[in-house]
Amino acid sequence: MATDIQNVKEEIRKLQIFCLNLEDKLYAFMKRIPDGGIQEMEETMAISNEFKSKIGGQ
């Protein structure tokens, strides 16, 4: 049982790192697109932040 909990915690940690890396890539992409696309990217970031909050991200 403790091993299962540890495995779940490790998977959550991996997901958190994945989300942070994805967020970094989205910000880098945002800097390259014209202002017209900024609103779409902000909406995408809001979805990303909502997902991260559901899995315990920062």
N, C-alpha and C. Protein backbone atom coordinates (compact mmCIF):
# COMPACT_ATOMS: atom_id res chain seq x y z
N MET A 1 0.83 -1.20 0.00
CA MET A 1 0.00 0.00 0.00
C MET A 1 0.86 1.26 0.00
N ALA A 2 1.88 1.29 0.85
CA ALA A 2 2.76 2.46 0.90
C ALA A 2 3.48 2.66 -0.43
N THR A 3 3.83 1.54 -1.07
CA THR A 3 4.50 1.62 -2.37
C THR A 3 3.57 2.24 -3.41
N ASP A 4 2.29 1.87 -3.37
CA ASP A 4 1.32 2.45 -4.31
C ASP A 4 1.21 3.95 -4.10
N ILE A 5 1.15 4.37 -2.85
CA ILE A 5 1.06 5.81 -2.55
C ILE A 5 2.30 6.52 -3.05
N GLN A 6 3.45 5.93 -2.83
CA GLN A 6 4.71 6.53 -3.28
C GLN A 6 4.73 6.63 -4.81
N ASN A 7 4.24 5.59 -5.48
CA ASN A 7 4.18 5.61 -6.95
C ASN A 7 3.26 6.72 -7.46
N VAL A 8 2.12 6.89 -6.80
CA VAL A 8 1.18 7.94 -7.18
C VAL A 8 1.81 9.32 -6.97
N LYS A 9 2.49 9.49 -5.83
CA LYS A 9 3.16 10.77 -5.57
C LYS A 9 4.21 11.07 -6.62
N GLU A 10 4.95 10.06 -7.04
CA GLU A 10 5.97 10.23 -8.07
C GLU A 10 5.34 10.61 -9.41
N GLU A 11 4.23 9.98 -9.75
CA GLU A 11 3.54 10.31 -11.00
C GLU A 11 3.00 11.74 -10.96
N ILE A 12 2.48 12.16 -9.82
CA ILE A 12 2.00 13.54 -9.67
C ILE A 12 3.15 14.51 -9.85
N ARG A 13 4.30 14.20 -9.25
CA ARG A 13 5.48 15.06 -9.39
C ARG A 13 5.88 15.17 -10.86
N LYS A 14 5.85 14.05 -11.58
CA LYS A 14 6.19 14.06 -13.01
C LYS A 14 5.21 14.93 -13.80
N LEU A 15 3.92 14.83 -13.46
CA LEU A 15 2.91 15.65 -14.14
C LEU A 15 3.13 17.13 -13.86
N GLN A 16 3.48 17.46 -12.62
CA GLN A 16 3.74 18.86 -12.28
C GLN A 16 4.91 19.40 -13.08
N ILE A 17 5.97 18.63 -13.20
CA ILE A 17 7.13 19.04 -13.98
C ILE A 17 6.74 19.19 -15.45
N PHE A 18 5.96 18.24 -15.96
CA PHE A 18 5.50 18.32 -17.34
C PHE A 18 4.71 19.61 -17.58
N CYS A 19 3.82 19.95 -16.65
CA CYS A 19 3.01 21.16 -16.79
C CYS A 19 3.88 22.41 -16.77
N LEU A 20 4.86 22.44 -15.88
CA LEU A 20 5.76 23.60 -15.83
C LEU A 20 6.54 23.74 -17.13
N ASN A 21 7.02 22.63 -17.67
CA ASN A 21 7.74 22.67 -18.94
C ASN A 21 6.82 23.13 -20.07
N LEU A 22 5.59 22.64 -20.06
CA LEU A 22 4.63 23.04 -21.08
C LEU A 22 4.33 24.53 -20.98
N GLU A 23 4.19 25.02 -19.76
CA GLU A 23 3.94 26.44 -19.55
C GLU A 23 5.10 27.28 -20.09
N ASP A 24 6.32 26.86 -19.84
CA ASP A 24 7.49 27.57 -20.36
C ASP A 24 7.46 27.61 -21.88
N LYS A 25 7.11 26.50 -22.50
CA LYS A 25 7.05 26.45 -23.96
C LYS A 25 5.94 27.35 -24.49
N LEU A 26 4.81 27.40 -23.79
CA LEU A 26 3.71 28.27 -24.22
C LEU A 26 4.12 29.74 -24.14
N TYR A 27 4.80 30.13 -23.07
CA TYR A 27 5.26 31.51 -22.95
C TYR A 27 6.26 31.85 -24.05
N ALA A 28 7.17 30.94 -24.35
CA ALA A 28 8.14 31.17 -25.42
C ALA A 28 7.42 31.32 -26.76
N PHE A 29 6.40 30.51 -26.98
CA PHE A 29 5.63 30.60 -28.21
C PHE A 29 4.87 31.92 -28.27
N MET A 30 4.30 32.34 -27.15
CA MET A 30 3.54 33.59 -27.09
C MET A 30 4.39 34.77 -27.53
N LYS A 31 5.65 34.76 -27.16
CA LYS A 31 6.53 35.88 -27.50
C LYS A 31 6.77 35.97 -29.00
N ARG A 32 6.56 34.87 -29.73
CA ARG A 32 6.84 34.86 -31.17
C ARG A 32 5.64 35.20 -32.03
N ILE A 33 4.44 35.25 -31.46
CA ILE A 33 3.26 35.47 -32.28
C ILE A 33 2.80 36.92 -32.21
N PRO A 34 2.09 37.39 -33.25
CA PRO A 34 1.59 38.78 -33.24
C PRO A 34 0.55 38.99 -32.14
N ASP A 35 0.29 40.25 -31.83
CA ASP A 35 -0.63 40.60 -30.74
C ASP A 35 -2.01 39.99 -30.88
N GLY A 36 -2.47 39.76 -32.10
CA GLY A 36 -3.79 39.18 -32.32
C GLY A 36 -3.95 37.80 -31.70
N GLY A 37 -2.85 37.07 -31.57
CA GLY A 37 -2.91 35.73 -31.01
C GLY A 37 -2.74 35.68 -29.51
N ILE A 38 -2.45 36.83 -28.91
CA ILE A 38 -2.19 36.86 -27.47
C ILE A 38 -3.42 36.42 -26.67
N GLN A 39 -4.61 36.88 -27.06
CA GLN A 39 -5.82 36.51 -26.32
C GLN A 39 -6.02 35.00 -26.33
N GLU A 40 -5.80 34.38 -27.49
CA GLU A 40 -5.95 32.92 -27.56
C GLU A 40 -4.96 32.23 -26.63
N MET A 41 -3.73 32.74 -26.60
CA MET A 41 -2.72 32.13 -25.75
C MET A 41 -3.05 32.35 -24.27
N GLU A 42 -3.60 33.51 -23.93
CA GLU A 42 -4.00 33.76 -22.54
C GLU A 42 -5.10 32.78 -22.12
N GLU A 43 -6.03 32.51 -23.03
CA GLU A 43 -7.08 31.54 -22.74
C GLU A 43 -6.48 30.14 -22.55
N THR A 44 -5.49 29.81 -23.37
CA THR A 44 -4.82 28.52 -23.24
C THR A 44 -4.10 28.43 -21.90
N MET A 45 -3.46 29.52 -21.49
CA MET A 45 -2.76 29.54 -20.21
C MET A 45 -3.75 29.39 -19.06
N ALA A 46 -4.92 29.99 -19.18
CA ALA A 46 -5.93 29.86 -18.13
C ALA A 46 -6.35 28.40 -17.98
N ILE A 47 -6.52 27.71 -19.11
CA ILE A 47 -6.86 26.29 -19.07
C ILE A 47 -5.73 25.50 -18.44
N SER A 48 -4.49 25.83 -18.81
CA SER A 48 -3.32 25.16 -18.25
C SER A 48 -3.27 25.35 -16.73
N ASN A 49 -3.51 26.59 -16.29
CA ASN A 49 -3.47 26.87 -14.85
C ASN A 49 -4.58 26.14 -14.11
N GLU A 50 -5.75 26.04 -14.72
CA GLU A 50 -6.86 25.31 -14.10
C GLU A 50 -6.49 23.84 -13.95
N PHE A 51 -5.89 23.26 -15.00
CA PHE A 51 -5.46 21.86 -14.95
C PHE A 51 -4.42 21.67 -13.85
N LYS A 52 -3.45 22.56 -13.80
CA LYS A 52 -2.40 22.44 -12.79
C LYS A 52 -2.98 22.52 -11.38
N SER A 53 -3.96 23.40 -11.18
CA SER A 53 -4.54 23.52 -9.84
C SER A 53 -5.28 22.24 -9.45
N LYS A 54 -5.85 21.55 -10.43
CA LYS A 54 -6.56 20.31 -10.15
C LYS A 54 -5.62 19.18 -9.76
N ILE A 55 -4.36 19.22 -10.27
CA ILE A 55 -3.42 18.16 -9.92
C ILE A 55 -2.45 18.60 -8.83
N GLY A 56 -2.70 19.76 -8.25
CA GLY A 56 -1.88 20.20 -7.12
C GLY A 56 -0.65 20.99 -7.51
N GLY A 57 -0.65 21.58 -8.70
CA GLY A 57 0.49 22.40 -9.13
C GLY A 57 0.48 23.76 -8.47
N GLN A 58 1.53 24.50 -8.72
CA GLN A 58 1.67 25.83 -8.13
C GLN A 58 0.87 26.83 -8.94
